[in-house]
């Protein structure tokens, strides 16, 4: 029996001023988190979630440091349809509930090092994400191409 997995993506802001223009997940907070829960046997999407983190998104000073700050109007237009507005705690609880309900054992991400670091940074997610060899391999080494993961779905 194949194991269900999550494909996750985040966008974040820096809480520290950077001079090189590159995002730093260790000093960041996510304002956007989306994920798909995938059936490990069929490749079908079981659940799809897209969140705007209200704790970060409505802080304009923080949002100015976002790598994609210019896309903020798109988020405003998509609130309630494309993205669910929720607090960090609600997002955390929803992810935790989905991991348990769908028996998720692995989490995959396009930009794995960034996504995993920003999801864990001062949010409590470090205690939510499943521990397995696959998670360690995926998040500890190279990014996984999202198109390859989703090709079968």
N, C-alpha and C. Protein backbone atom coordinates (compact mmCIF):
# COMPACT_ATOMS: atom_id res chain seq x y z
N UNK A 1 0.84 -1.19 0.00
CA UNK A 1 0.00 0.00 0.00
C UNK A 1 0.89 1.25 0.00
N UNK A 2 0.66 2.10 -0.98
CA UNK A 2 1.42 3.34 -1.07
C UNK A 2 0.97 4.33 0.00
N UNK A 3 1.89 5.17 0.41
CA UNK A 3 1.58 6.13 1.47
C UNK A 3 1.12 7.45 0.88
N UNK A 4 0.14 8.05 1.52
CA UNK A 4 -0.32 9.39 1.11
C UNK A 4 0.77 10.39 1.43
N UNK A 5 0.81 11.46 0.64
CA UNK A 5 1.83 12.48 0.86
C UNK A 5 1.24 13.85 0.58
N UNK A 6 1.96 14.86 1.03
CA UNK A 6 1.58 16.25 0.82
C UNK A 6 2.61 16.90 -0.08
N UNK A 7 2.13 17.71 -1.03
CA UNK A 7 2.98 18.58 -1.83
C UNK A 7 2.69 20.00 -1.33
N UNK A 8 3.71 20.66 -0.81
CA UNK A 8 3.54 21.92 -0.10
C UNK A 8 4.33 23.04 -0.78
N UNK A 9 3.80 24.25 -0.71
CA UNK A 9 4.52 25.42 -1.19
C UNK A 9 4.20 26.60 -0.28
N UNK A 10 5.18 27.46 -0.07
CA UNK A 10 4.98 28.65 0.76
C UNK A 10 5.58 29.87 0.05
N UNK A 11 5.11 31.02 0.45
CA UNK A 11 5.74 32.29 0.10
C UNK A 11 5.90 33.03 1.43
N UNK A 12 7.00 33.76 1.55
CA UNK A 12 7.26 34.38 2.85
C UNK A 12 7.82 35.78 2.79
N UNK A 13 7.99 36.32 3.98
CA UNK A 13 8.58 37.64 4.18
C UNK A 13 9.80 37.49 5.08
N UNK A 14 10.70 38.44 4.98
CA UNK A 14 11.86 38.46 5.88
C UNK A 14 11.56 39.37 7.06
N UNK A 15 11.95 38.93 8.24
CA UNK A 15 11.79 39.77 9.42
C UNK A 15 13.06 40.56 9.70
N UNK A 16 14.12 40.30 8.93
CA UNK A 16 15.37 41.04 9.07
C UNK A 16 15.69 41.71 7.74
N UNK A 17 16.24 42.91 7.79
CA UNK A 17 16.60 43.62 6.56
C UNK A 17 17.76 42.89 5.89
N UNK A 18 17.60 42.63 4.58
CA UNK A 18 18.62 41.92 3.82
C UNK A 18 19.22 42.85 2.78
N UNK A 19 20.50 42.72 2.55
CA UNK A 19 21.16 43.58 1.56
C UNK A 19 21.35 42.87 0.22
N UNK A 20 21.24 41.54 0.21
CA UNK A 20 21.47 40.81 -1.04
C UNK A 20 20.20 40.55 -1.84
N UNK A 21 19.04 40.90 -1.30
CA UNK A 21 17.79 40.72 -2.02
C UNK A 21 17.27 39.30 -2.05
N UNK A 22 17.96 38.38 -1.44
CA UNK A 22 17.54 36.98 -1.44
C UNK A 22 16.72 36.66 -0.19
N UNK A 23 15.68 35.85 -0.33
CA UNK A 23 14.89 35.48 0.84
C UNK A 23 15.69 34.61 1.79
N UNK A 24 15.46 34.79 3.07
CA UNK A 24 16.14 34.00 4.09
C UNK A 24 15.09 33.32 4.95
N UNK A 25 14.87 32.02 4.73
CA UNK A 25 13.81 31.35 5.48
C UNK A 25 14.04 31.29 6.98
N UNK A 26 15.29 31.36 7.43
CA UNK A 26 15.54 31.26 8.86
C UNK A 26 15.10 32.52 9.61
N UNK A 27 14.89 33.61 8.87
CA UNK A 27 14.39 34.83 9.52
C UNK A 27 13.04 35.23 8.93
N UNK A 28 12.36 34.26 8.36
CA UNK A 28 11.12 34.56 7.66
C UNK A 28 9.87 34.05 8.32
N UNK A 29 8.77 34.54 7.81
CA UNK A 29 7.43 34.09 8.19
C UNK A 29 6.65 33.88 6.90
N UNK A 30 5.80 32.88 6.87
CA UNK A 30 5.04 32.66 5.63
C UNK A 30 3.75 33.49 5.64
N UNK A 31 3.43 34.04 4.49
CA UNK A 31 2.15 34.73 4.32
C UNK A 31 1.21 33.93 3.43
N UNK A 32 1.75 32.94 2.74
CA UNK A 32 0.99 32.09 1.83
C UNK A 32 1.47 30.66 2.02
N UNK A 33 0.54 29.77 2.29
CA UNK A 33 0.87 28.34 2.33
C UNK A 33 -0.23 27.59 1.61
N UNK A 34 0.20 26.76 0.69
CA UNK A 34 -0.75 25.91 -0.01
C UNK A 34 -0.21 24.49 -0.05
N UNK A 35 -1.13 23.54 -0.07
CA UNK A 35 -0.68 22.16 -0.19
C UNK A 35 -1.78 21.28 -0.77
N UNK A 36 -1.32 20.19 -1.36
CA UNK A 36 -2.21 19.15 -1.86
C UNK A 36 -1.93 17.89 -1.07
N UNK A 37 -2.98 17.17 -0.68
CA UNK A 37 -2.83 15.85 -0.11
C UNK A 37 -3.07 14.89 -1.26
N UNK A 38 -2.08 14.04 -1.54
CA UNK A 38 -2.13 13.15 -2.69
C UNK A 38 -2.26 11.70 -2.23
N UNK A 39 -3.16 10.97 -2.88
CA UNK A 39 -3.31 9.54 -2.63
C UNK A 39 -2.08 8.84 -3.21
N UNK A 40 -1.36 8.15 -2.36
CA UNK A 40 -0.12 7.51 -2.77
C UNK A 40 -0.29 6.38 -3.76
N UNK A 41 -1.48 5.81 -3.85
CA UNK A 41 -1.72 4.71 -4.79
C UNK A 41 -2.18 5.22 -6.15
N UNK A 42 -3.09 6.16 -6.17
CA UNK A 42 -3.70 6.60 -7.42
C UNK A 42 -3.11 7.89 -7.97
N UNK A 43 -2.46 8.67 -7.14
CA UNK A 43 -1.95 9.97 -7.56
C UNK A 43 -3.02 11.05 -7.59
N UNK A 44 -4.23 10.70 -7.19
CA UNK A 44 -5.34 11.66 -7.17
C UNK A 44 -5.19 12.62 -6.00
N UNK A 45 -5.66 13.85 -6.20
CA UNK A 45 -5.68 14.83 -5.12
C UNK A 45 -6.85 14.53 -4.20
N UNK A 46 -6.54 14.32 -2.93
CA UNK A 46 -7.57 14.04 -1.92
C UNK A 46 -8.09 15.34 -1.33
N UNK A 47 -7.18 16.28 -1.11
CA UNK A 47 -7.51 17.57 -0.48
C UNK A 47 -6.58 18.63 -1.05
N UNK A 48 -7.11 19.83 -1.24
CA UNK A 48 -6.32 20.96 -1.70
C UNK A 48 -6.60 22.15 -0.79
N UNK A 49 -5.54 22.77 -0.31
CA UNK A 49 -5.69 23.91 0.59
C UNK A 49 -4.78 25.05 0.15
N UNK A 50 -5.29 26.27 0.24
CA UNK A 50 -4.51 27.48 -0.03
C UNK A 50 -4.88 28.51 1.02
N UNK A 51 -3.87 28.97 1.75
CA UNK A 51 -4.11 29.90 2.85
C UNK A 51 -3.33 31.20 2.67
N UNK A 52 -3.96 32.29 3.08
CA UNK A 52 -3.26 33.55 3.33
C UNK A 52 -3.17 33.65 4.85
N UNK A 53 -1.96 33.83 5.34
CA UNK A 53 -1.73 33.93 6.78
C UNK A 53 -2.05 35.36 7.23
N UNK A 54 -3.17 35.52 7.90
CA UNK A 54 -3.62 36.86 8.31
C UNK A 54 -2.66 37.51 9.30
N UNK A 55 -1.92 36.72 10.05
CA UNK A 55 -0.97 37.27 11.03
C UNK A 55 0.19 38.01 10.35
N UNK A 56 0.46 37.67 9.11
CA UNK A 56 1.57 38.27 8.38
C UNK A 56 1.07 39.17 7.25
N UNK A 57 0.10 38.69 6.50
CA UNK A 57 -0.34 39.37 5.28
C UNK A 57 -0.84 40.79 5.51
N UNK A 58 -1.50 41.03 6.62
CA UNK A 58 -2.07 42.36 6.89
C UNK A 58 -1.10 43.30 7.59
N UNK A 59 0.13 42.85 7.80
CA UNK A 59 1.20 43.69 8.34
C UNK A 59 1.97 44.27 7.14
N UNK A 60 1.61 45.48 6.74
CA UNK A 60 2.18 46.05 5.52
C UNK A 60 3.69 46.22 5.57
N UNK A 61 4.22 46.53 6.73
CA UNK A 61 5.67 46.67 6.86
C UNK A 61 6.37 45.34 6.56
N UNK A 62 5.83 44.25 7.07
CA UNK A 62 6.39 42.93 6.76
C UNK A 62 6.22 42.59 5.29
N UNK A 63 5.06 42.86 4.75
CA UNK A 63 4.79 42.48 3.37
C UNK A 63 5.68 43.21 2.37
N UNK A 64 6.20 44.36 2.72
CA UNK A 64 7.12 45.07 1.83
C UNK A 64 8.39 44.26 1.59
N UNK A 65 8.73 43.36 2.53
CA UNK A 65 9.94 42.56 2.38
C UNK A 65 9.69 41.25 1.62
N UNK A 66 8.46 41.01 1.21
CA UNK A 66 8.14 39.77 0.50
C UNK A 66 8.84 39.75 -0.86
N UNK A 67 9.36 38.61 -1.22
CA UNK A 67 10.01 38.44 -2.51
C UNK A 67 9.05 38.78 -3.65
N UNK A 68 7.77 38.42 -3.48
CA UNK A 68 6.74 38.71 -4.47
C UNK A 68 5.77 39.79 -3.96
N UNK A 69 6.29 40.83 -3.35
CA UNK A 69 5.46 41.89 -2.77
C UNK A 69 4.51 42.51 -3.79
N UNK A 70 4.94 42.58 -5.04
CA UNK A 70 4.11 43.20 -6.07
C UNK A 70 2.85 42.39 -6.39
N UNK A 71 2.79 41.16 -5.93
CA UNK A 71 1.61 40.31 -6.18
C UNK A 71 0.52 40.46 -5.12
N UNK A 72 0.74 41.33 -4.15
CA UNK A 72 -0.24 41.50 -3.07
C UNK A 72 -1.65 41.79 -3.59
N UNK A 73 -1.82 42.66 -4.60
CA UNK A 73 -3.17 42.91 -5.12
C UNK A 73 -3.87 41.63 -5.64
N UNK A 74 -3.11 40.70 -6.20
CA UNK A 74 -3.70 39.44 -6.66
C UNK A 74 -4.25 38.64 -5.47
N UNK A 75 -3.53 38.66 -4.39
CA UNK A 75 -4.01 37.98 -3.19
C UNK A 75 -5.28 38.63 -2.67
N UNK A 76 -5.30 39.95 -2.64
CA UNK A 76 -6.49 40.66 -2.18
C UNK A 76 -7.70 40.30 -3.03
N UNK A 77 -7.52 40.23 -4.34
CA UNK A 77 -8.61 39.86 -5.25
C UNK A 77 -9.07 38.42 -5.05
N UNK A 78 -8.16 37.53 -4.66
CA UNK A 78 -8.48 36.11 -4.55
C UNK A 78 -8.91 35.64 -3.17
N UNK A 79 -8.97 36.56 -2.20
CA UNK A 79 -9.38 36.18 -0.84
C UNK A 79 -10.80 35.63 -0.85
N UNK A 80 -10.95 34.50 -0.21
CA UNK A 80 -12.28 33.90 -0.10
C UNK A 80 -12.61 32.97 -1.26
N UNK A 81 -11.88 33.10 -2.38
CA UNK A 81 -12.12 32.19 -3.51
C UNK A 81 -10.88 31.33 -3.76
N UNK A 82 -9.77 31.97 -4.04
CA UNK A 82 -8.53 31.25 -4.30
C UNK A 82 -7.76 30.91 -3.02
N UNK A 83 -7.87 31.79 -2.04
CA UNK A 83 -7.17 31.61 -0.77
C UNK A 83 -8.13 31.78 0.40
N UNK A 84 -7.96 30.92 1.39
CA UNK A 84 -8.69 31.06 2.65
C UNK A 84 -7.83 31.91 3.58
N UNK A 85 -8.40 32.94 4.15
CA UNK A 85 -7.68 33.78 5.10
C UNK A 85 -7.79 33.13 6.48
N UNK A 86 -6.63 32.88 7.10
CA UNK A 86 -6.62 32.21 8.39
C UNK A 86 -5.38 32.62 9.18
N UNK A 87 -5.45 32.47 10.48
CA UNK A 87 -4.30 32.77 11.34
C UNK A 87 -3.27 31.65 11.24
N UNK A 88 -2.07 31.94 11.70
CA UNK A 88 -1.02 30.92 11.74
C UNK A 88 -1.51 29.69 12.51
N UNK A 89 -2.16 29.92 13.64
CA UNK A 89 -2.64 28.82 14.46
C UNK A 89 -3.67 27.97 13.73
N UNK A 90 -4.60 28.59 13.02
CA UNK A 90 -5.60 27.84 12.27
C UNK A 90 -4.95 27.03 11.14
N UNK A 91 -4.00 27.64 10.45
CA UNK A 91 -3.29 26.92 9.39
C UNK A 91 -2.55 25.73 9.98
N UNK A 92 -1.86 25.96 11.07
CA UNK A 92 -1.14 24.90 11.78
C UNK A 92 -2.07 23.75 12.15
N UNK A 93 -3.20 24.09 12.74
CA UNK A 93 -4.15 23.05 13.16
C UNK A 93 -4.73 22.30 11.97
N UNK A 94 -5.02 23.02 10.89
CA UNK A 94 -5.58 22.38 9.69
C UNK A 94 -4.58 21.41 9.09
N UNK A 95 -3.33 21.83 8.97
CA UNK A 95 -2.30 20.94 8.44
C UNK A 95 -2.14 19.71 9.32
N UNK A 96 -2.11 19.93 10.62
CA UNK A 96 -1.96 18.82 11.56
C UNK A 96 -3.14 17.84 11.43
N UNK A 97 -4.35 18.37 11.34
CA UNK A 97 -5.54 17.52 11.18
C UNK A 97 -5.50 16.75 9.87
N UNK A 98 -5.07 17.41 8.79
CA UNK A 98 -4.99 16.72 7.50
C UNK A 98 -3.93 15.63 7.51
N UNK A 99 -2.79 15.89 8.14
CA UNK A 99 -1.75 14.87 8.24
C UNK A 99 -2.29 13.64 8.95
N UNK A 100 -3.03 13.86 10.03
CA UNK A 100 -3.59 12.74 10.79
C UNK A 100 -4.73 12.07 10.03
N UNK A 101 -5.68 12.85 9.53
CA UNK A 101 -6.87 12.29 8.87
C UNK A 101 -6.51 11.49 7.62
N UNK A 102 -5.53 11.95 6.87
CA UNK A 102 -5.18 11.28 5.62
C UNK A 102 -3.95 10.39 5.75
N UNK A 103 -3.50 10.21 7.00
CA UNK A 103 -2.36 9.33 7.29
C UNK A 103 -1.15 9.67 6.41
N UNK A 104 -0.82 10.95 6.38
CA UNK A 104 0.30 11.43 5.58
C UNK A 104 1.61 11.03 6.25
N UNK A 105 2.52 10.50 5.44
CA UNK A 105 3.81 10.08 5.97
C UNK A 105 4.96 10.88 5.36
N UNK A 106 4.71 11.52 4.22
CA UNK A 106 5.76 12.25 3.52
C UNK A 106 5.25 13.62 3.09
N UNK A 107 6.16 14.58 3.06
CA UNK A 107 5.85 15.92 2.56
C UNK A 107 6.89 16.27 1.51
N UNK A 108 6.39 16.69 0.36
CA UNK A 108 7.25 17.06 -0.76
C UNK A 108 7.05 18.54 -1.04
N UNK A 109 8.07 19.18 -1.57
CA UNK A 109 7.96 20.60 -1.88
C UNK A 109 8.86 20.93 -3.06
N UNK A 110 8.46 21.94 -3.83
CA UNK A 110 9.26 22.37 -4.98
C UNK A 110 10.58 22.97 -4.50
N UNK A 111 10.52 23.90 -3.61
CA UNK A 111 11.70 24.55 -3.06
C UNK A 111 11.83 24.10 -1.61
N UNK A 112 12.17 22.86 -1.43
CA UNK A 112 12.04 22.17 -0.16
C UNK A 112 12.77 22.83 1.00
N UNK A 113 13.99 23.21 0.82
CA UNK A 113 14.74 23.80 1.94
C UNK A 113 14.07 25.07 2.43
N UNK A 114 13.65 25.92 1.50
CA UNK A 114 13.00 27.17 1.87
C UNK A 114 11.65 26.89 2.53
N UNK A 115 10.82 26.08 1.88
CA UNK A 115 9.47 25.82 2.39
C UNK A 115 9.49 25.20 3.78
N UNK A 116 10.36 24.23 3.97
CA UNK A 116 10.41 23.56 5.27
C UNK A 116 10.91 24.52 6.34
N UNK A 117 11.95 25.29 6.02
CA UNK A 117 12.50 26.22 7.01
C UNK A 117 11.49 27.29 7.39
N UNK A 118 10.81 27.86 6.40
CA UNK A 118 9.88 28.95 6.71
C UNK A 118 8.64 28.41 7.42
N UNK A 119 8.23 27.19 7.12
CA UNK A 119 7.08 26.60 7.81
C UNK A 119 7.41 26.33 9.27
N UNK A 120 8.66 26.04 9.57
CA UNK A 120 9.05 25.74 10.94
C UNK A 120 9.42 26.98 11.74
N UNK A 121 9.80 28.04 11.07
CA UNK A 121 10.34 29.23 11.74
C UNK A 121 9.30 29.86 12.65
N UNK A 122 9.49 29.73 13.94
CA UNK A 122 8.66 30.36 14.97
C UNK A 122 7.16 30.11 14.81
N UNK A 123 6.76 28.96 14.28
CA UNK A 123 5.33 28.72 14.10
C UNK A 123 4.82 27.52 14.87
N UNK A 124 5.69 26.64 15.28
CA UNK A 124 5.23 25.41 15.92
C UNK A 124 5.07 24.27 14.95
N UNK A 125 5.27 24.51 13.65
CA UNK A 125 5.11 23.44 12.67
C UNK A 125 6.15 22.35 12.84
N UNK A 126 7.28 22.66 13.46
CA UNK A 126 8.32 21.64 13.62
C UNK A 126 7.80 20.43 14.39
N UNK A 127 6.76 20.62 15.20
CA UNK A 127 6.20 19.51 15.97
C UNK A 127 5.02 18.85 15.26
N UNK A 128 4.65 19.36 14.10
CA UNK A 128 3.50 18.86 13.36
C UNK A 128 3.91 17.96 12.22
N UNK A 129 5.00 18.30 11.55
CA UNK A 129 5.37 17.61 10.34
C UNK A 129 5.81 16.19 10.66
N UNK A 130 5.39 15.23 9.82
CA UNK A 130 5.72 13.83 10.10
C UNK A 130 7.22 13.59 10.02
N UNK A 131 7.67 12.62 10.80
CA UNK A 131 9.08 12.25 10.76
C UNK A 131 9.19 10.93 10.04
N UNK A 132 9.91 10.93 8.95
CA UNK A 132 10.17 9.70 8.21
C UNK A 132 11.45 9.89 7.42
N UNK A 133 11.98 8.79 6.93
CA UNK A 133 13.19 8.88 6.12
C UNK A 133 12.94 9.70 4.87
N UNK A 134 11.76 9.56 4.28
CA UNK A 134 11.46 10.29 3.05
C UNK A 134 11.42 11.79 3.30
N UNK A 135 10.80 12.21 4.42
CA UNK A 135 10.75 13.63 4.72
C UNK A 135 12.16 14.16 4.90
N UNK A 136 12.99 13.45 5.63
CA UNK A 136 14.36 13.88 5.84
C UNK A 136 15.13 13.96 4.54
N UNK A 137 14.94 13.00 3.67
CA UNK A 137 15.64 12.99 2.39
C UNK A 137 15.16 14.13 1.50
N UNK A 138 13.86 14.34 1.46
CA UNK A 138 13.31 15.37 0.59
C UNK A 138 13.71 16.75 1.08
N UNK A 139 13.53 17.00 2.37
CA UNK A 139 13.79 18.32 2.89
C UNK A 139 15.26 18.55 3.21
N UNK A 140 16.04 17.50 3.29
CA UNK A 140 17.44 17.65 3.64
C UNK A 140 18.36 17.73 2.44
N UNK A 141 17.86 17.41 1.25
CA UNK A 141 18.74 17.41 0.09
C UNK A 141 18.21 18.36 -0.98
N UNK A 142 18.00 17.86 -2.16
CA UNK A 142 17.63 18.74 -3.27
C UNK A 142 16.13 18.96 -3.37
N UNK A 143 15.72 20.07 -3.99
CA UNK A 143 14.29 20.31 -4.23
C UNK A 143 13.72 19.25 -5.17
N UNK A 144 12.45 19.01 -5.05
CA UNK A 144 11.76 18.03 -5.89
C UNK A 144 10.91 18.80 -6.89
N UNK A 145 11.00 18.45 -8.15
CA UNK A 145 10.24 19.16 -9.18
C UNK A 145 8.76 18.86 -9.02
N UNK A 146 7.98 19.90 -8.83
CA UNK A 146 6.54 19.76 -8.62
C UNK A 146 5.88 19.10 -9.82
N UNK A 147 6.32 19.43 -11.02
CA UNK A 147 5.70 18.85 -12.21
C UNK A 147 5.89 17.33 -12.24
N UNK A 148 7.02 16.85 -11.81
CA UNK A 148 7.26 15.40 -11.80
C UNK A 148 6.37 14.70 -10.78
N UNK A 149 6.16 15.34 -9.65
CA UNK A 149 5.33 14.75 -8.61
C UNK A 149 3.89 14.67 -9.07
N UNK A 150 3.41 15.72 -9.73
CA UNK A 150 2.01 15.81 -10.08
C UNK A 150 1.67 15.25 -11.46
N UNK A 151 2.67 14.78 -12.19
CA UNK A 151 2.43 14.29 -13.55
C UNK A 151 1.36 13.21 -13.61
N UNK A 152 1.31 12.37 -12.59
CA UNK A 152 0.35 11.25 -12.60
C UNK A 152 -1.03 11.65 -12.12
N UNK A 153 -1.20 12.87 -11.62
CA UNK A 153 -2.51 13.23 -11.09
C UNK A 153 -3.40 13.89 -12.11
